[in-house]
Amino acid sequence: MTEKEAQNRRTQDLRLRSKVISDPVHRAPNRAMLRAVGFSDEDFRKPMIGIASTWSEVTPCNIHLDELARKAKEGARLAGGAPLIFNTITVSDGISMGTEGMRYSLPSREVIADSIETVVGAENLDGFVAIGGCDKNMPGCMMAIGRLNLPSVFVYGGTIQPGKLNGKDIDIVSAFEGVGQYNKGEIDREELHQIECHACPGPGSCGGMYTANTMASAIEAMGMSLPGSSSTPAISPEKLTEAIQAGQAVFNLLEQGIYPRDIMTKKAFENAITVVMALGGSTNAVLHLLAIAHAVGVDLSLDDFDRIRRRVPHIADLKPSGRYVMQDLNDVGGVPAVMKELLQAGLLHGDCLTVTGKTLEENLAEQPSLKAGQDVIRPLDDPFLETGPLVILKGNLAPEGAVAKVSGLKKKKITGPARVFDTEAEATEAVLNDQIKPGDVIVIRYAGPKGGPGMPEMLSISGILIGKGLGKDVGLLTDGRFSGGTHGLVVGHVAPEAQVGGPIALLKEGDMITIDSEKQELSVAVSDEEFAERRKQWQAPPLKHSKGILAKYARLVSSASKGAVTD
């Protein structure tokens, strides 16, 4: 029996499970409990479809997802399924940014994946819709989809509208940069307060090509969400329609025997990376796509990102380095219109299967092209950059690799003295107290997956540097992460991390560091012999937590170069 035949047999077994449950006497207790939640005799003869919702009131990204979950349930029922909604957690990166709470952000990705896998597995569901909004929801949902390998569709909650202040668009990054402007004396406290009050006008994920919109675009390119759904705004009526269609699509996938691993192939991941590079997406896409690939058993590495980057131009004028937000892209054709351009140029694999049951090329044939006269997306022959802006750096400071984002940068290289800090708080204080000078290279270490723990994002300090006018003149590197809203001469994901004795742990104040995005180099002017001597003196500090989720995470998590996974 071939693998496909075996998979089809498992499909039939799953479809029969909900029928069998209505027959044997010993299943009566199972039926009794399901009757209590609304099942009838007829429902026991239908496939059970889960609706995994990350609804929560703790972030605007997710506050509207309860309605999308109900619509997805409606679609699954209309198609012939017996749907059930269940929830999992979310945390807000933006709210926790710059605080101890940020250490829980990346671990929440694992919690989301684990909890969806747990519910779907325990309840013997036949397939499911997963709905996410904030940054870690999306990869968490996709990791669960990959592990379970049941017919599934991802639904993105959608992008927030831009805020308006003094006739200009602003967003959450404006607030972080406003702190630096206030510290520099460029704006007063009332102006900062007005930015705060207007930056986030309602439901939806952060509006630029930050992590949420980046991952939504990548998932659509991978074929795991419905065409066009990654760029539909959160408040659009179309988003409700998409949720209904997603519920119907899962039933269709069950009917056809199409599984996530039929869709999420190596070529599908290459499509996702291509779209991320073209749009100028978040550095977090590297981390999350590696983790999702691990979940489905696809061999993906940093070298694949580098290979694809070299042939894909950056063509999107999107924040944080550009002018526009995701809603603007939606208005001129959305992610499918960009993908049509890439497909016509031979940069995408059009034969990849998708959750519609059709190939990517077939889906795109039904989608509109970019609107004439628009300037959100440049022509492929007139890009912002000839190659993708997510650059993999290596050198004696990052033997396993590090990730930089060079979109919007005029200065692609810096060599300067290391200003070494073991916490983000210490580094931020130094910046605010004008102790960092042009030409310095700030190093924030012990912020990796194990050392952080949780690899905290550093939008706060990078935003302050931009606000103070130092973004072009100061380097910043860390074994932690950066937000999708970060821009400037910054390098994250330095691996191996300091906690496990990576070279970043051996740096001393004043060591001359070179960040060169053109040569893809991250190095320090320290000889191998000197490093060997320093290593003899180095001892790993104790993990910051001995109990609870952060302790478990620190003990289990892999290197950032492997996706920082815990399984």
Protein backbone atom coordinates (compact mmCIF):
# COMPACT_ATOMS: atom_id res chain seq x y z
CA MET A 1 0.00 0.00 0.00
CA THR A 2 1.41 3.40 -0.99
CA GLU A 3 1.57 6.30 1.45
CA LYS A 4 -1.26 8.04 -0.44
CA GLU A 5 -3.41 4.90 -0.29
CA ALA A 6 -2.69 4.58 3.41
CA GLN A 7 -3.64 8.21 3.90
CA ASN A 8 -6.91 7.66 2.02
CA ARG A 9 -7.64 4.67 4.22
CA ARG A 10 -7.10 6.84 7.29
CA THR A 11 -9.50 9.36 5.78
CA GLN A 12 -12.17 6.70 5.52
CA ASP A 13 -11.44 5.56 9.07
CA LEU A 14 -11.89 9.11 10.32
CA ARG A 15 -15.08 9.63 8.37
CA LEU A 16 -16.44 6.37 9.78
CA ARG A 17 -15.50 7.25 13.34
CA SER A 18 -18.36 9.68 13.82
CA LYS A 19 -20.77 7.17 12.27
CA VAL A 20 -19.56 4.30 14.43
CA ILE A 21 -20.00 6.36 17.57
CA SER A 22 -23.79 6.20 17.10
CA ASP A 23 -23.95 2.38 16.88
CA PRO A 24 -22.14 0.36 19.56
CA VAL A 25 -23.73 0.22 22.98
CA HIS A 26 -20.47 1.05 24.68
CA ARG A 27 -20.45 4.47 22.92
CA ALA A 28 -23.60 5.60 24.68
CA PRO A 29 -21.66 7.69 27.28
CA ASN A 30 -19.82 9.51 24.48
CA ARG A 31 -23.09 10.26 22.77
CA ALA A 32 -24.69 11.39 25.99
CA MET A 33 -22.05 14.06 26.57
CA LEU A 34 -22.25 15.29 22.98
CA ARG A 35 -26.03 15.50 23.20
CA ALA A 36 -25.53 17.88 26.11
CA VAL A 37 -23.68 20.30 23.82
CA GLY A 38 -26.33 20.13 21.13
CA PHE A 39 -25.70 17.01 19.01
CA SER A 40 -28.61 15.09 17.52
CA ASP A 41 -28.80 11.58 16.06
CA GLU A 42 -28.06 13.07 12.64
CA ASP A 43 -24.90 14.82 13.88
CA PHE A 44 -23.42 11.47 14.93
CA ARG A 45 -23.38 10.47 11.27
CA LYS A 46 -21.37 13.55 10.22
CA PRO A 47 -17.65 14.31 10.40
CA MET A 48 -16.80 16.34 13.49
CA ILE A 49 -15.03 19.56 12.52
CA GLY A 50 -13.28 21.64 15.16
CA ILE A 51 -13.09 25.43 15.09
CA ALA A 52 -9.92 26.41 16.97
CA SER A 53 -10.32 30.06 18.00
CA THR A 54 -7.74 32.31 19.61
CA TRP A 55 -10.40 34.87 20.59
CA SER A 56 -9.44 37.07 23.52
CA GLU A 57 -9.99 40.56 24.86
CA VAL A 58 -6.30 41.05 25.73
CA THR A 59 -5.36 42.37 22.28
CA PRO A 60 -7.11 44.18 19.40
CA CYS A 61 -5.65 41.57 17.06
CA ASN A 62 -8.00 38.93 18.45
CA ILE A 63 -10.94 40.76 19.97
CA HIS A 64 -13.21 40.05 16.98
CA LEU A 65 -12.29 36.43 16.37
CA ASP A 66 -15.28 35.04 18.28
CA GLU A 67 -17.53 36.21 15.46
CA LEU A 68 -15.25 34.65 12.85
CA ALA A 69 -15.34 31.37 14.78
CA ARG A 70 -19.14 31.36 14.73
CA LYS A 71 -19.08 32.02 10.98
CA ALA A 72 -16.60 29.20 10.40
CA LYS A 73 -18.87 26.91 12.41
CA GLU A 74 -21.80 28.02 10.23
CA GLY A 75 -19.83 27.17 7.09
CA ALA A 76 -18.81 23.75 8.37
CA ARG A 77 -22.43 22.94 9.27
CA LEU A 78 -23.75 24.15 5.91
CA ALA A 79 -21.25 21.87 4.17
CA GLY A 80 -22.43 18.82 6.10
CA GLY A 81 -20.18 18.68 9.15
CA ALA A 82 -20.87 18.63 12.87
CA PRO A 83 -18.77 21.59 14.09
CA LEU A 84 -17.57 22.44 17.59
CA ILE A 85 -15.79 25.62 18.68
CA PHE A 86 -12.94 25.47 21.16
CA ASN A 87 -10.49 28.12 22.30
CA THR A 88 -6.84 28.51 23.01
CA ILE A 89 -4.77 31.39 24.38
CA THR A 90 -3.14 34.47 22.95
CA VAL A 91 -0.80 37.10 24.34
CA SER A 92 -0.15 40.52 22.88
CA ASP A 93 3.39 41.19 21.72
CA GLY A 94 2.77 44.93 21.48
CA ILE A 95 1.42 45.21 25.02
CA SER A 96 4.17 43.06 26.53
CA MET A 97 6.97 44.72 24.50
CA GLY A 98 9.79 46.08 26.62
CA THR A 99 8.52 44.31 29.76
CA GLU A 100 9.18 40.98 31.46
CA GLY A 101 5.96 39.79 29.84
CA MET A 102 7.67 39.65 26.44
CA ARG A 103 9.45 36.49 27.61
CA TYR A 104 6.12 34.66 27.36
CA SER A 105 5.49 35.66 23.75
CA LEU A 106 7.43 33.00 21.83
CA PRO A 107 6.58 30.25 24.36
CA SER A 108 2.91 31.09 23.71
CA ARG A 109 3.43 29.80 20.17
CA GLU A 110 4.22 26.38 21.62
CA VAL A 111 1.29 26.56 24.05
CA ILE A 112 -1.09 27.34 21.19
CA ALA A 113 0.24 24.50 19.04
CA ASP A 114 0.21 22.05 21.95
CA SER A 115 -3.30 22.98 23.07
CA ILE A 116 -4.85 22.70 19.59
CA GLU A 117 -3.12 19.36 19.08
CA THR A 118 -4.38 18.23 22.49
CA VAL A 119 -8.03 19.13 21.90
CA VAL A 120 -8.20 17.81 18.34
CA GLY A 121 -6.45 14.60 19.36
CA ALA A 122 -8.47 14.04 22.53
CA GLU A 123 -11.82 14.73 20.88
CA ASN A 124 -11.01 12.65 17.77
CA LEU A 125 -11.99 15.47 15.44
CA ASP A 126 -11.96 14.76 11.72
CA GLY A 127 -10.62 18.16 10.63
CA PHE A 128 -10.53 21.74 11.82
CA VAL A 129 -10.41 25.44 11.06
CA ALA A 130 -7.75 27.40 12.98
CA ILE A 131 -8.29 31.13 13.47
CA GLY A 132 -5.46 33.47 14.53
CA GLY A 133 -4.78 37.17 14.81
CA CYS A 134 -1.70 38.18 16.82
CA ASP A 135 1.85 37.21 15.86
CA LYS A 136 2.28 33.85 17.60
CA ASN A 137 -1.26 32.62 16.87
CA MET A 138 -0.48 32.00 13.24
CA PRO A 139 2.64 29.84 13.51
CA GLY A 140 1.13 28.14 16.56
CA CYS A 141 -1.96 27.19 14.58
CA MET A 142 0.12 26.08 11.61
CA MET A 143 2.40 23.94 13.78
CA ALA A 144 -0.65 22.16 15.17
CA ILE A 145 -2.02 21.68 11.65
CA GLY A 146 1.30 20.22 10.57
CA ARG A 147 1.61 17.85 13.52
CA LEU A 148 -1.97 16.54 13.32
CA ASN A 149 -2.07 16.34 9.51
CA LEU A 150 -5.87 16.42 9.39
CA PRO A 151 -7.82 18.35 6.75
CA SER A 152 -7.47 21.94 7.93
CA VAL A 153 -7.72 25.58 6.85
CA PHE A 154 -6.22 28.63 8.51
CA VAL A 155 -8.21 31.86 8.85
CA TYR A 156 -6.45 35.17 9.53
CA GLY A 157 -8.31 37.71 11.65
CA GLY A 158 -7.13 40.50 9.39
CA THR A 159 -5.18 43.73 9.52
CA ILE A 160 -6.09 46.80 11.57
CA GLN A 161 -6.91 50.09 9.90
CA PRO A 162 -4.19 52.75 10.20
CA GLY A 163 -4.68 55.39 12.86
CA LYS A 164 -5.01 59.02 11.84
CA LEU A 165 -3.30 62.00 13.48
CA ASN A 166 -2.84 65.44 11.97
CA GLY A 167 -3.82 64.09 8.56
CA LYS A 168 -1.18 61.34 8.60
CA ASP A 169 -1.39 57.58 9.02
CA ILE A 170 0.15 56.26 12.23
CA ASP A 171 0.35 52.85 13.88
CA ILE A 172 1.73 51.08 16.94
CA VAL A 173 5.32 51.57 15.79
CA SER A 174 4.66 55.33 15.79
CA ALA A 175 4.06 55.04 19.53
CA PHE A 176 7.36 53.24 20.19
CA GLU A 177 9.28 55.74 18.05
CA GLY A 178 7.39 58.55 19.77
CA VAL A 179 9.08 57.63 23.06
CA GLY A 180 12.45 58.31 21.44
CA GLN A 181 11.19 61.57 19.94
CA TYR A 182 9.90 62.66 23.35
CA ASN A 183 13.21 61.75 24.99
CA LYS A 184 15.05 63.77 22.35
CA GLY A 185 12.77 66.75 22.91
CA GLU A 186 11.22 66.71 19.43
CA ILE A 187 7.68 66.27 20.77
CA ASP A 188 6.08 67.08 24.13
CA ARG A 189 4.14 64.82 26.46
CA GLU A 190 0.76 65.84 25.00
CA GLU A 191 1.90 65.01 21.45
CA LEU A 192 3.08 61.60 22.66
CA HIS A 193 -0.29 61.11 24.36
CA GLN A 194 -2.11 61.92 21.12
CA ILE A 195 -0.03 59.34 19.25
CA GLU A 196 -0.92 56.80 21.93
CA CYS A 197 -4.63 57.61 21.66
CA HIS A 198 -4.82 57.40 17.87
CA ALA A 199 -2.36 54.65 16.90
CA CYS A 200 -4.75 51.67 17.16
CA PRO A 201 -8.31 52.62 16.12
CA GLY A 202 -10.01 49.21 16.39
CA PRO A 203 -9.84 45.44 15.79
CA GLY A 204 -7.10 43.81 13.77
CA SER A 205 -3.40 43.03 13.74
CA CYS A 206 -0.65 45.65 13.47
CA GLY A 207 -1.09 47.29 10.08
CA GLY A 208 2.32 47.31 8.39
CA MET A 209 4.24 44.39 6.96
CA TYR A 210 4.98 43.37 10.52
CA THR A 211 4.96 39.80 11.83
CA ALA A 212 1.19 39.15 11.74
CA ASN A 213 0.69 40.36 8.18
CA THR A 214 3.94 38.69 7.14
CA MET A 215 2.86 35.31 8.45
CA ALA A 216 -0.64 35.69 7.00
CA SER A 217 0.92 36.35 3.59
CA ALA A 218 3.29 33.39 3.98
CA ILE A 219 0.45 31.04 4.94
CA GLU A 220 -1.60 32.12 1.92
CA ALA A 221 1.42 31.65 -0.34
CA MET A 222 1.87 28.21 1.17
CA GLY A 223 -1.66 27.33 0.14
CA MET A 224 -3.10 26.87 3.64
CA SER A 225 -5.58 29.77 3.65
CA LEU A 226 -8.14 30.92 1.12
CA PRO A 227 -6.98 33.17 -1.76
CA GLY A 228 -6.95 36.85 -0.83
CA SER A 229 -7.66 36.26 2.87
CA SER A 230 -4.27 37.42 4.14
CA SER A 231 -4.82 41.05 3.11
CA THR A 232 -8.54 41.47 3.88
CA PRO A 233 -8.97 44.05 6.69
CA ALA A 234 -10.34 42.83 10.01
CA ILE A 235 -13.46 45.01 9.86
CA SER A 236 -14.34 44.10 6.28
CA PRO A 237 -17.58 42.13 5.71
CA GLU A 238 -15.50 39.95 3.39
CA LYS A 239 -13.69 38.60 6.44
CA LEU A 240 -16.93 37.05 7.71
CA THR A 241 -17.54 35.48 4.31
CA GLU A 242 -14.01 34.05 4.32
CA ALA A 243 -14.68 32.39 7.67
CA ILE A 244 -17.82 30.71 6.33
CA GLN A 245 -15.93 29.56 3.26
CA ALA A 246 -13.13 28.16 5.42
CA GLY A 247 -15.58 25.96 7.30
CA GLN A 248 -16.90 24.70 3.97
CA ALA A 249 -13.38 24.19 2.64
CA VAL A 250 -12.44 21.81 5.46
CA PHE A 251 -15.40 19.59 4.57
CA ASN A 252 -14.31 19.70 0.93
CA LEU A 253 -10.79 18.65 1.92
CA LEU A 254 -12.27 15.72 3.84
CA GLU A 255 -14.27 14.73 0.78
CA GLN A 256 -11.19 14.86 -1.45
CA GLY A 257 -8.79 13.29 1.05
CA ILE A 258 -6.40 16.27 0.93
CA TYR A 259 -4.10 16.66 3.93
CA PRO A 260 -1.83 19.49 5.12
CA ARG A 261 1.29 17.52 4.23
CA ASP A 262 -0.01 17.22 0.67
CA ILE A 263 -0.05 21.02 0.60
CA MET A 264 2.87 22.05 2.83
CA THR A 265 5.66 20.63 0.68
CA LYS A 266 9.18 21.97 0.28
CA LYS A 267 8.04 23.88 -2.81
CA ALA A 268 5.17 25.42 -0.82
CA PHE A 269 7.65 26.69 1.77
CA GLU A 270 9.75 28.13 -1.05
CA ASN A 271 6.65 29.98 -2.26
CA ALA A 272 6.10 31.35 1.25
CA ILE A 273 9.70 32.57 1.51
CA THR A 274 9.47 34.14 -1.94
CA VAL A 275 6.39 36.18 -0.99
CA VAL A 276 7.94 37.23 2.33
CA MET A 277 11.05 38.47 0.54
CA ALA A 278 9.08 40.34 -2.13
CA LEU A 279 6.91 42.06 0.48
CA GLY A 280 9.79 42.88 2.84
CA GLY A 281 8.39 40.82 5.69
CA SER A 282 9.42 40.39 9.29
CA THR A 283 12.57 38.62 10.44
CA ASN A 284 10.26 36.50 12.58
CA ALA A 285 9.13 34.74 9.40
CA VAL A 286 12.48 32.93 9.37
CA LEU A 287 11.96 31.59 12.88
CA HIS A 288 8.33 30.61 12.35
CA LEU A 289 8.67 29.01 8.93
CA LEU A 290 11.51 26.87 10.27
CA ALA A 291 9.25 25.77 13.12
CA ILE A 292 6.30 24.99 10.85
CA ALA A 293 8.57 23.03 8.51
CA HIS A 294 9.77 21.02 11.51
CA ALA A 295 6.14 20.21 12.37
CA VAL A 296 5.44 18.76 8.91
CA GLY A 297 8.79 17.08 8.48
CA VAL A 298 10.05 19.34 5.66
CA ASP A 299 13.81 19.90 5.54
CA LEU A 300 14.12 23.69 5.67
CA SER A 301 17.21 25.62 6.74
CA LEU A 302 18.67 29.11 6.83
CA ASP A 303 20.48 28.25 3.61
CA ASP A 304 17.11 27.94 1.85
CA PHE A 305 16.21 31.49 2.89
CA ASP A 306 19.52 32.74 1.59
CA ARG A 307 19.17 30.85 -1.71
CA ILE A 308 15.69 32.23 -2.38
CA ARG A 309 16.61 35.74 -1.25
CA ARG A 310 19.22 35.99 -3.97
CA ARG A 311 16.66 35.64 -6.78
CA VAL A 312 13.65 37.53 -5.37
CA PRO A 313 13.54 41.35 -5.51
CA HIS A 314 11.96 43.46 -2.79
CA ILE A 315 9.07 45.31 -4.44
CA ALA A 316 6.67 46.43 -1.68
CA ASP A 317 6.59 49.99 -0.28
CA LEU A 318 5.20 48.82 3.05
CA LYS A 319 5.91 49.84 6.63
CA PRO A 320 8.08 49.71 8.69
CA SER A 321 10.60 50.89 6.09
CA GLY A 322 8.03 52.03 3.49
CA ARG A 323 4.99 54.27 3.31
CA TYR A 324 1.98 51.99 3.13
CA VAL A 325 0.09 49.48 5.26
CA MET A 326 -1.64 46.18 4.53
CA GLN A 327 -5.00 47.80 3.92
CA ASP A 328 -3.43 49.86 1.13
CA LEU A 329 -2.09 46.66 -0.44
CA ASN A 330 -5.55 45.11 -0.20
CA ASP A 331 -7.04 48.11 -2.00
CA VAL A 332 -4.77 47.64 -5.03
CA GLY A 333 -5.21 43.88 -5.42
CA GLY A 334 -3.88 42.29 -2.26
CA VAL A 335 -1.42 39.48 -1.81
CA PRO A 336 -2.85 37.46 -4.75
CA ALA A 337 -2.07 40.30 -7.15
CA VAL A 338 1.54 40.31 -5.95
CA MET A 339 1.69 36.54 -6.31
CA LYS A 340 0.40 36.78 -9.88
CA GLU A 341 3.34 39.06 -10.70
CA LEU A 342 5.76 36.64 -9.08
CA LEU A 343 4.22 33.62 -10.82
CA GLN A 344 4.40 35.27 -14.24
CA ALA A 345 8.08 35.97 -13.59
CA GLY A 346 8.72 32.32 -12.82
CA LEU A 347 9.42 32.97 -9.13
CA LEU A 348 6.64 30.76 -7.70
CA HIS A 349 5.79 27.08 -8.05
CA GLY A 350 2.34 27.26 -9.62
CA ASP A 351 1.71 23.51 -9.40
CA CYS A 352 1.51 23.46 -5.60
CA LEU A 353 -1.78 22.17 -4.17
CA THR A 354 -3.86 24.48 -1.93
CA VAL A 355 -6.80 24.24 0.49
CA THR A 356 -9.21 25.05 -2.34
CA GLY A 357 -8.36 21.69 -3.88
CA LYS A 358 -6.87 23.59 -6.81
CA THR A 359 -3.27 24.49 -7.57
CA LEU A 360 -1.80 27.87 -6.75
CA GLU A 361 -1.76 28.74 -10.46
CA GLU A 362 -5.43 27.84 -10.82
CA ASN A 363 -6.34 29.98 -7.81
CA LEU A 364 -4.40 32.99 -9.09
CA ALA A 365 -6.05 32.79 -12.51
CA GLU A 366 -9.30 33.71 -10.77
CA GLN A 367 -7.82 36.65 -8.82
CA PRO A 368 -7.47 40.29 -9.94
CA SER A 369 -4.15 41.77 -11.02
CA LEU A 370 -2.58 44.87 -9.47
CA LYS A 371 -4.57 48.01 -10.19
CA ALA A 372 -3.18 50.31 -12.84
CA GLY A 373 -1.41 53.39 -11.53
CA GLN A 374 -0.86 52.03 -8.01
CA ASP A 375 2.49 52.66 -6.27
CA VAL A 376 2.28 50.27 -3.31
CA ILE A 377 4.05 47.55 -5.31
CA ARG A 378 6.86 48.35 -7.72
CA PRO A 379 7.46 46.49 -10.99
CA LEU A 380 9.80 43.53 -10.69
CA ASP A 381 12.25 45.26 -13.04
CA ASP A 382 12.33 48.38 -10.83
CA PRO A 383 12.54 47.04 -7.27
CA PHE A 384 13.63 48.71 -4.05
CA LEU A 385 16.27 45.99 -3.76
CA GLU A 386 17.46 43.52 -6.38
CA THR A 387 17.42 40.78 -3.73
CA GLY A 388 15.24 40.02 -0.72
CA PRO A 389 15.75 42.15 2.41
CA LEU A 390 15.98 39.32 4.97
CA VAL A 391 19.67 38.57 5.03
CA ILE A 392 21.33 35.61 6.74
CA LEU A 393 24.64 36.64 8.32
CA LYS A 394 27.41 34.33 9.49
CA GLY A 395 30.88 34.74 10.91
CA ASN A 396 32.88 34.12 14.05
CA LEU A 397 30.17 35.88 16.07
CA ALA A 398 27.32 33.76 14.65
CA PRO A 399 28.60 30.39 13.39
CA GLU A 400 25.03 29.02 13.11
CA GLY A 401 23.72 32.22 11.57
CA ALA A 402 21.83 35.41 12.39
CA VAL A 403 19.10 37.38 10.62
CA ALA A 404 19.06 41.03 9.53
CA LYS A 405 16.46 43.06 7.67
CA VAL A 406 17.97 45.63 5.29
CA SER A 407 14.89 47.16 3.64
CA GLY A 408 15.05 50.96 3.71
CA LEU A 409 18.67 51.00 4.83
CA LYS A 410 21.14 53.30 3.12
CA LYS A 411 23.95 52.23 5.41
CA LYS A 412 24.54 48.50 4.93
CA LYS A 413 27.69 48.13 7.02
CA ILE A 414 29.09 49.25 10.34
CA THR A 415 32.29 48.48 12.23
CA GLY A 416 32.34 49.83 15.74
CA PRO A 417 33.05 49.16 19.40
CA ALA A 418 30.80 46.74 21.23
CA ARG A 419 28.61 48.20 23.95
CA VAL A 420 27.74 45.03 25.81
CA PHE A 421 24.61 44.56 27.93
CA ASP A 422 23.21 41.44 29.52
CA THR A 423 19.65 42.83 29.61
CA GLU A 424 17.50 44.96 27.33
CA ALA A 425 16.59 47.22 30.26
CA GLU A 426 20.25 48.17 30.82
CA ALA A 427 20.74 48.88 27.13
CA THR A 428 17.58 50.99 26.95
CA GLU A 429 18.66 53.04 29.95
CA ALA A 430 22.01 53.70 28.30
CA VAL A 431 20.28 54.90 25.13
CA LEU A 432 17.87 57.17 27.02
CA ASN A 433 20.77 58.60 29.06
CA ASP A 434 22.73 59.45 25.87
CA GLN A 435 25.50 56.98 26.68
CA ILE A 436 25.35 55.46 23.17
CA LYS A 437 27.15 57.36 20.44
CA PRO A 438 27.07 57.14 16.62
CA GLY A 439 29.29 54.29 15.47
CA ASP A 440 28.62 52.11 18.52
CA VAL A 441 27.35 48.54 18.20
CA ILE A 442 24.92 47.68 20.99
CA VAL A 443 24.97 44.02 22.04
CA ILE A 444 22.10 42.60 24.07
CA ARG A 445 22.83 39.02 25.06
CA TYR A 446 21.36 36.29 27.27
CA ALA A 447 18.11 37.05 25.45
CA GLY A 448 17.95 33.90 23.32
CA PRO A 449 15.44 31.04 23.44
CA LYS A 450 17.04 29.57 26.58
CA GLY A 451 18.72 32.65 28.02
CA GLY A 452 15.80 35.08 27.75
CA PRO A 453 14.06 32.80 28.17
CA GLY A 454 11.67 33.10 25.27
CA MET A 455 13.78 35.17 22.91
CA PRO A 456 12.06 38.52 23.66
CA GLU A 457 11.46 41.03 20.87
CA MET A 458 13.16 44.41 21.11
CA LEU A 459 10.94 46.88 19.31
CA SER A 460 11.12 49.17 22.32
CA ILE A 461 14.84 49.89 22.17
CA SER A 462 15.00 49.85 18.35
CA GLY A 463 12.06 52.25 18.20
CA ILE A 464 13.73 54.57 20.71
CA LEU A 465 16.93 54.54 18.64
CA ILE A 466 14.93 55.56 15.55
CA GLY A 467 13.10 58.24 17.50
CA LYS A 468 16.38 59.67 18.80
CA GLY A 469 17.82 59.78 15.28
CA LEU A 470 20.39 57.03 15.92
CA GLY A 471 18.83 54.31 13.78
CA LYS A 472 21.21 54.83 10.86
CA ASP A 473 24.36 55.30 12.90
CA VAL A 474 24.20 52.64 15.62
CA GLY A 475 24.34 48.88 15.18
CA LEU A 476 22.22 46.64 17.37
CA LEU A 477 22.58 42.89 17.66
CA THR A 478 21.11 40.29 19.96
CA ASP A 479 20.50 36.59 20.43
CA GLY A 480 16.89 37.64 21.02
CA ARG A 481 14.43 38.80 18.36
CA PHE A 482 13.09 41.95 16.80
CA SER A 483 9.51 42.88 16.12
CA GLY A 484 8.22 42.96 12.58
CA GLY A 485 7.93 46.70 13.20
CA THR A 486 11.67 47.08 13.75
CA HIS A 487 13.87 48.78 11.18
CA GLY A 488 17.40 50.05 11.27
CA LEU A 489 20.83 48.40 11.34
CA VAL A 490 19.73 45.53 13.57
CA VAL A 491 20.65 41.84 13.71
CA GLY A 492 18.74 39.21 15.68
CA HIS A 493 18.63 35.43 16.19
CA VAL A 494 22.41 35.32 16.77
CA ALA A 495 23.22 31.63 17.18
CA PRO A 496 24.51 29.86 19.14
CA GLU A 497 23.04 32.03 21.88
CA ALA A 498 24.96 33.31 24.90
CA GLN A 499 23.27 30.94 27.36
CA VAL A 500 24.82 27.89 25.67
CA GLY A 501 28.24 29.52 25.30
CA GLY A 502 27.92 31.03 21.84
CA PRO A 503 30.61 33.57 20.86
CA ILE A 504 28.26 36.44 21.77
CA ALA A 505 28.71 35.38 25.42
CA LEU A 506 32.47 35.97 25.15
CA LEU A 507 32.33 39.57 23.92
CA LYS A 508 33.90 42.35 25.95
CA GLU A 509 33.21 46.06 25.99
CA GLY A 510 35.08 47.74 23.16
CA ASP A 511 35.60 44.67 20.95
CA MET A 512 35.37 45.82 17.34
CA ILE A 513 32.31 44.29 15.69
CA THR A 514 31.49 44.29 11.98
CA ILE A 515 27.95 44.01 10.64
CA ASP A 516 28.12 43.81 6.84
CA SER A 517 24.84 42.95 5.15
CA GLU A 518 26.40 43.00 1.67
CA LYS A 519 29.08 40.45 2.55
CA GLN A 520 26.60 38.73 4.90
CA GLU A 521 29.14 38.92 7.69
CA LEU A 522 28.76 39.20 11.45
CA SER A 523 32.18 39.12 13.02
CA VAL A 524 34.33 40.48 15.80
CA ALA A 525 38.04 41.30 15.69
CA VAL A 526 38.98 38.66 18.25
CA SER A 527 41.35 35.82 17.40
CA ASP A 528 40.48 32.17 17.86
CA GLU A 529 43.21 31.98 20.49
CA GLU A 530 41.72 34.89 22.45
CA PHE A 531 38.25 33.35 22.20
CA ALA A 532 39.66 30.08 23.54
CA GLU A 533 41.16 31.89 26.54
CA ARG A 534 37.91 33.73 27.23
CA ARG A 535 35.96 30.49 27.02
CA LYS A 536 38.07 29.00 29.78
CA GLN A 537 36.92 31.82 32.06
CA TRP A 538 33.25 31.68 31.04
CA GLN A 539 30.55 29.89 32.99
CA ALA A 540 26.94 29.55 31.96
CA PRO A 541 24.72 31.58 34.26
CA PRO A 542 21.83 29.71 35.88
CA LEU A 543 18.58 29.72 33.95
CA LYS A 544 16.41 32.63 35.01
CA HIS A 545 13.48 30.42 36.02
CA SER A 546 13.38 27.14 37.91
CA LYS A 547 9.59 26.56 37.90
CA GLY A 548 6.69 27.01 35.52
CA ILE A 549 6.36 27.38 31.79
CA LEU A 550 9.46 29.51 31.24
CA ALA A 551 11.59 26.93 33.06
CA LYS A 552 10.15 24.09 30.98
CA TYR A 553 10.59 26.12 27.81
CA ALA A 554 14.23 26.96 28.55
CA ARG A 555 15.05 23.31 29.20
CA LEU A 556 13.40 22.05 26.00
CA VAL A 557 13.83 24.74 23.36
CA SER A 558 16.17 24.36 20.39
CA SER A 559 18.41 26.95 18.75
CA ALA A 560 16.91 29.87 16.85
CA SER A 561 18.64 28.50 13.76
CA LYS A 562 16.34 25.46 14.10
CA GLY A 563 13.15 27.46 14.70
CA ALA A 564 13.29 27.51 18.52
CA VAL A 565 10.98 24.50 18.78
CA THR A 566 10.31 22.41 21.88
CA ASP A 567 9.45 19.05 20.33
